[in-house]
Amino acid sequence: MSEYIELPVSGLEGPLSEMEQTVQDTAHRFATEVLRPAGEKIDTMSAEDAIAP
């Protein structure tokens, strides 16, 4: 799996508010801890198993 690469901001964005930073951090943590492992598991499954209920 490729490692996470943090992209630089374009320079046009202002600094995030504390609430915006909290939301961004929470979304990133969820993606890293939940979605990425689920995606890795699904990638090893057959198409039939991946869509099975």
PDB file of N, CA and C in Angstrom:
ATOM      1  N   MET A   1       0.854  -1.177   0.000  1.00  0.00           N
ATOM      2  CA  MET A   1       0.000   0.000   0.000  1.00  0.00           C
ATOM      3  C   MET A   1       0.892   1.229   0.000  1.00  0.00           C
ATOM      4  N   SER A   2       0.531   2.210  -0.782  1.00  0.00           N
ATOM      5  CA  SER A   2       1.331   3.423  -0.820  1.00  0.00           C
ATOM      6  C   SER A   2       1.176   4.175   0.493  1.00  0.00           C
ATOM      7  N   GLU A   3       2.231   4.872   0.860  1.00  0.00           N
ATOM      8  CA  GLU A   3       2.160   5.602   2.114  1.00  0.00           C
ATOM      9  C   GLU A   3       1.467   6.941   1.915  1.00  0.00           C
ATOM     10  N   TYR A   4       0.951   7.491   2.991  1.00  0.00           N
ATOM     11  CA  TYR A   4       0.226   8.755   2.968  1.00  0.00           C
ATOM     12  C   TYR A   4       1.187   9.886   2.632  1.00  0.00           C
ATOM     13  N   ILE A   5       0.808  10.706   1.672  1.00  0.00           N
ATOM     14  CA  ILE A   5       1.603  11.867   1.297  1.00  0.00           C
ATOM     15  C   ILE A   5       0.750  13.101   1.532  1.00  0.00           C
ATOM     16  N   GLU A   6       1.198  13.963   2.417  1.00  0.00           N
ATOM     17  CA  GLU A   6       0.451  15.183   2.700  1.00  0.00           C
ATOM     18  C   GLU A   6       0.746  16.202   1.609  1.00  0.00           C
ATOM     19  N   LEU A   7      -0.302  16.665   0.959  1.00  0.00           N
ATOM     20  CA  LEU A   7      -0.143  17.639  -0.116  1.00  0.00           C
ATOM     21  C   LEU A   7      -0.094  19.048   0.460  1.00  0.00           C
ATOM     22  N   PRO A   8       0.725  19.899  -0.116  1.00  0.00           N
ATOM     23  CA  PRO A   8       0.783  21.277   0.379  1.00  0.00           C
ATOM     24  C   PRO A   8      -0.482  22.037  -0.003  1.00  0.00           C
ATOM     25  N   VAL A   9      -0.826  23.025   0.803  1.00  0.00           N
ATOM     26  CA  VAL A   9      -1.963  23.869   0.461  1.00  0.00           C
ATOM     27  C   VAL A   9      -1.559  24.769  -0.698  1.00  0.00           C
ATOM     28  N   SER A  10      -2.537  25.266  -1.405  1.00  0.00           N
ATOM     29  CA  SER A  10      -2.241  26.068  -2.594  1.00  0.00           C
ATOM     30  C   SER A  10      -1.795  27.480  -2.256  1.00  0.00           C
ATOM     31  N   GLY A  11      -1.977  27.882  -1.027  1.00  0.00           N
ATOM     32  CA  GLY A  11      -1.621  29.235  -0.640  1.00  0.00           C
ATOM     33  C   GLY A  11      -2.800  30.189  -0.688  1.00  0.00           C
ATOM     34  N   LEU A  12      -3.929  29.717  -1.220  1.00  0.00           N
ATOM     35  CA  LEU A  12      -5.107  30.570  -1.310  1.00  0.00           C
ATOM     36  C   LEU A  12      -6.051  30.368  -0.133  1.00  0.00           C
ATOM     37  N   GLU A  13      -5.844  29.294   0.621  1.00  0.00           N
ATOM     38  CA  GLU A  13      -6.721  29.005   1.746  1.00  0.00           C
ATOM     39  C   GLU A  13      -6.274  29.797   2.973  1.00  0.00           C
ATOM     40  N   GLY A  14      -7.258  30.258   3.716  1.00  0.00           N
ATOM     41  CA  GLY A  14      -6.940  30.880   4.987  1.00  0.00           C
ATOM     42  C   GLY A  14      -6.750  29.800   6.030  1.00  0.00           C
ATOM     43  N   PRO A  15      -6.257  30.147   7.200  1.00  0.00           N
ATOM     44  CA  PRO A  15      -6.105  29.129   8.247  1.00  0.00           C
ATOM     45  C   PRO A  15      -7.472  28.601   8.681  1.00  0.00           C
ATOM     46  N   LEU A  16      -7.511  27.336   9.054  1.00  0.00           N
ATOM     47  CA  LEU A  16      -8.767  26.736   9.504  1.00  0.00           C
ATOM     48  C   LEU A  16      -9.086  27.206  10.915  1.00  0.00           C
ATOM     49  N   SER A  17     -10.379  27.340  11.187  1.00  0.00           N
ATOM     50  CA  SER A  17     -10.795  27.637  12.554  1.00  0.00           C
ATOM     51  C   SER A  17     -10.557  26.385  13.395  1.00  0.00           C
ATOM     52  N   GLU A  18     -10.650  26.526  14.691  1.00  0.00           N
ATOM     53  CA  GLU A  18     -10.451  25.380  15.573  1.00  0.00           C
ATOM     54  C   GLU A  18     -11.469  24.277  15.266  1.00  0.00           C
ATOM     55  N   MET A  19     -12.722  24.653  15.013  1.00  0.00           N
ATOM     56  CA  MET A  19     -13.766  23.679  14.698  1.00  0.00           C
ATOM     57  C   MET A  19     -13.476  22.995  13.367  1.00  0.00           C
ATOM     58  N   GLU A  20     -13.080  23.761  12.354  1.00  0.00           N
ATOM     59  CA  GLU A  20     -12.762  23.181  11.049  1.00  0.00           C
ATOM     60  C   GLU A  20     -11.589  22.214  11.151  1.00  0.00           C
ATOM     61  N   GLN A  21     -10.581  22.573  11.933  1.00  0.00           N
ATOM     62  CA  GLN A  21      -9.423  21.700  12.114  1.00  0.00           C
ATOM     63  C   GLN A  21      -9.826  20.417  12.834  1.00  0.00           C
ATOM     64  N   THR A  22     -10.719  20.530  13.814  1.00  0.00           N
ATOM     65  CA  THR A  22     -11.205  19.354  14.534  1.00  0.00           C
ATOM     66  C   THR A  22     -11.960  18.421  13.592  1.00  0.00           C
ATOM     67  N   VAL A  23     -12.819  18.984  12.744  1.00  0.00           N
ATOM     68  CA  VAL A  23     -13.569  18.175  11.778  1.00  0.00           C
ATOM     69  C   VAL A  23     -12.608  17.497  10.810  1.00  0.00           C
ATOM     70  N   GLN A  24     -11.633  18.236  10.310  1.00  0.00           N
ATOM     71  CA  GLN A  24     -10.663  17.667   9.375  1.00  0.00           C
ATOM     72  C   GLN A  24      -9.864  16.541  10.038  1.00  0.00           C
ATOM     73  N   ASP A  25      -9.412  16.756  11.255  1.00  0.00           N
ATOM     74  CA  ASP A  25      -8.649  15.730  11.969  1.00  0.00           C
ATOM     75  C   ASP A  25      -9.492  14.483  12.214  1.00  0.00           C
ATOM     76  N   THR A  26     -10.763  14.675  12.582  1.00  0.00           N
ATOM     77  CA  THR A  26     -11.659  13.548  12.831  1.00  0.00           C
ATOM     78  C   THR A  26     -11.911  12.757  11.553  1.00  0.00           C
ATOM     79  N   ALA A  27     -12.148  13.460  10.452  1.00  0.00           N
ATOM     80  CA  ALA A  27     -12.372  12.785   9.167  1.00  0.00           C
ATOM     81  C   ALA A  27     -11.126  12.018   8.733  1.00  0.00           C
ATOM     82  N   HIS A  28      -9.966  12.600   8.925  1.00  0.00           N
ATOM     83  CA  HIS A  28      -8.718  11.932   8.545  1.00  0.00           C
ATOM     84  C   HIS A  28      -8.497  10.684   9.401  1.00  0.00           C
ATOM     85  N   ARG A  29      -8.743  10.801  10.703  1.00  0.00           N
ATOM     86  CA  ARG A  29      -8.573   9.651  11.600  1.00  0.00           C
ATOM     87  C   ARG A  29      -9.550   8.530  11.228  1.00  0.00           C
ATOM     88  N   PHE A  30     -10.805   8.873  10.916  1.00  0.00           N
ATOM     89  CA  PHE A  30     -11.797   7.881  10.506  1.00  0.00           C
ATOM     90  C   PHE A  30     -11.357   7.184   9.222  1.00  0.00           C
ATOM     91  N   ALA A  31     -10.891   7.958   8.262  1.00  0.00           N
ATOM     92  CA  ALA A  31     -10.435   7.373   6.996  1.00  0.00           C
ATOM     93  C   ALA A  31      -9.257   6.435   7.220  1.00  0.00           C
ATOM     94  N   THR A  32      -8.333   6.838   8.071  1.00  0.00           N
ATOM     95  CA  THR A  32      -7.142   6.031   8.328  1.00  0.00           C
ATOM     96  C   THR A  32      -7.463   4.768   9.125  1.00  0.00           C
ATOM     97  N   GLU A  33      -8.293   4.909  10.157  1.00  0.00           N
ATOM     98  CA  GLU A  33      -8.543   3.795  11.071  1.00  0.00           C
ATOM     99  C   GLU A  33      -9.667   2.862  10.616  1.00  0.00           C
ATOM    100  N   VAL A  34     -10.623   3.354   9.828  1.00  0.00           N
ATOM    101  CA  VAL A  34     -11.789   2.553   9.456  1.00  0.00           C
ATOM    102  C   VAL A  34     -11.835   2.265   7.957  1.00  0.00           C
ATOM    103  N   LEU A  35     -11.839   3.315   7.154  1.00  0.00           N
ATOM    104  CA  LEU A  35     -12.031   3.126   5.713  1.00  0.00           C
ATOM    105  C   LEU A  35     -10.847   2.447   5.038  1.00  0.00           C
ATOM    106  N   ARG A  36      -9.626   2.851   5.368  1.00  0.00           N
ATOM    107  CA  ARG A  36      -8.463   2.245   4.716  1.00  0.00           C
ATOM    108  C   ARG A  36      -8.377   0.744   5.000  1.00  0.00           C
ATOM    109  N   PRO A  37      -8.498   0.293   6.270  1.00  0.00           N
ATOM    110  CA  PRO A  37      -8.463  -1.155   6.510  1.00  0.00           C
ATOM    111  C   PRO A  37      -9.612  -1.899   5.820  1.00  0.00           C
ATOM    112  N   ALA A  38     -10.799  -1.300   5.791  1.00  0.00           N
ATOM    113  CA  ALA A  38     -11.930  -1.946   5.108  1.00  0.00           C
ATOM    114  C   ALA A  38     -11.647  -2.064   3.620  1.00  0.00           C
ATOM    115  N   GLY A  39     -11.099  -1.026   3.025  1.00  0.00           N
ATOM    116  CA  GLY A  39     -10.766  -1.058   1.606  1.00  0.00           C
ATOM    117  C   GLY A  39      -9.720  -2.101   1.287  1.00  0.00           C
ATOM    118  N   GLU A  40      -8.719  -2.225   2.158  1.00  0.00           N
ATOM    119  CA  GLU A  40      -7.682  -3.235   1.948  1.00  0.00           C
ATOM    120  C   GLU A  40      -8.273  -4.636   1.994  1.00  0.00           C
ATOM    121  N   LYS A  41      -9.217  -4.868   2.923  1.00  0.00           N
ATOM    122  CA  LYS A  41      -9.858  -6.181   3.018  1.00  0.00           C
ATOM    123  C   LYS A  41     -10.722  -6.452   1.787  1.00  0.00           C
ATOM    124  N   ILE A  42     -11.495  -5.460   1.370  1.00  0.00           N
ATOM    125  CA  ILE A  42     -12.359  -5.627   0.195  1.00  0.00           C
ATOM    126  C   ILE A  42     -11.529  -5.892  -1.053  1.00  0.00           C
ATOM    127  N   ASP A  43     -10.368  -5.261  -1.153  1.00  0.00           N
ATOM    128  CA  ASP A  43      -9.502  -5.454  -2.322  1.00  0.00           C
ATOM    129  C   ASP A  43      -9.051  -6.902  -2.488  1.00  0.00           C
ATOM    130  N   THR A  44      -9.037  -7.663  -1.405  1.00  0.00           N
ATOM    131  CA  THR A  44      -8.595  -9.061  -1.484  1.00  0.00           C
ATOM    132  C   THR A  44      -9.748 -10.019  -1.774  1.00  0.00           C
ATOM    133  N   MET A  45     -10.980  -9.500  -1.773  1.00  0.00           N
ATOM    134  CA  MET A  45     -12.161 -10.345  -1.954  1.00  0.00           C
ATOM    135  C   MET A  45     -12.546 -10.441  -3.427  1.00  0.00           C
ATOM    136  N   SER A  46     -13.283 -11.490  -3.742  1.00  0.00           N
ATOM    137  CA  SER A  46     -13.850 -11.586  -5.088  1.00  0.00           C
ATOM    138  C   SER A  46     -14.978 -10.563  -5.197  1.00  0.00           C
ATOM    139  N   ALA A  47     -15.372 -10.236  -6.416  1.00  0.00           N
ATOM    140  CA  ALA A  47     -16.452  -9.269  -6.620  1.00  0.00           C
ATOM    141  C   ALA A  47     -17.745  -9.751  -5.969  1.00  0.00           C
ATOM    142  N   GLU A  48     -18.019 -11.042  -6.072  1.00  0.00           N
ATOM    143  CA  GLU A  48     -19.244 -11.591  -5.488  1.00  0.00           C
ATOM    144  C   GLU A  48     -19.236 -11.449  -3.970  1.00  0.00           C
ATOM    145  N   ASP A  49     -18.102 -11.756  -3.348  1.00  0.00           N
ATOM    146  CA  ASP A  49     -18.015 -11.633  -1.893  1.00  0.00           C
ATOM    147  C   ASP A  49     -18.062 -10.172  -1.449  1.00  0.00           C
ATOM    148  N   ALA A  50     -17.486  -9.288  -2.235  1.00  0.00           N
ATOM    149  CA  ALA A  50     -17.436  -7.874  -1.864  1.00  0.00           C
ATOM    150  C   ALA A  50     -18.823  -7.244  -1.828  1.00  0.00           C
ATOM    151  N   ILE A  51     -19.742  -7.704  -2.674  1.00  0.00           N
ATOM    152  CA  ILE A  51     -21.083  -7.104  -2.701  1.00  0.00           C
ATOM    153  C   ILE A  51     -22.120  -7.924  -1.953  1.00  0.00           C
ATOM    154  N   ALA A  52     -21.726  -9.071  -1.415  1.00  0.00           N
ATOM    155  CA  ALA A  52     -22.669  -9.922  -0.683  1.00  0.00           C
ATOM    156  C   ALA A  52     -23.112  -9.217   0.595  1.00  0.00           C
ATOM    157  N   PRO A  53     -24.386  -9.399   0.991  1.00  0.00           N
ATOM    158  CA  PRO A  53     -24.881  -8.760   2.225  1.00  0.00           C
ATOM    159  C   PRO A  53     -24.233  -9.320   3.470  1.00  0.00           C
TER     160      PRO A  53
END
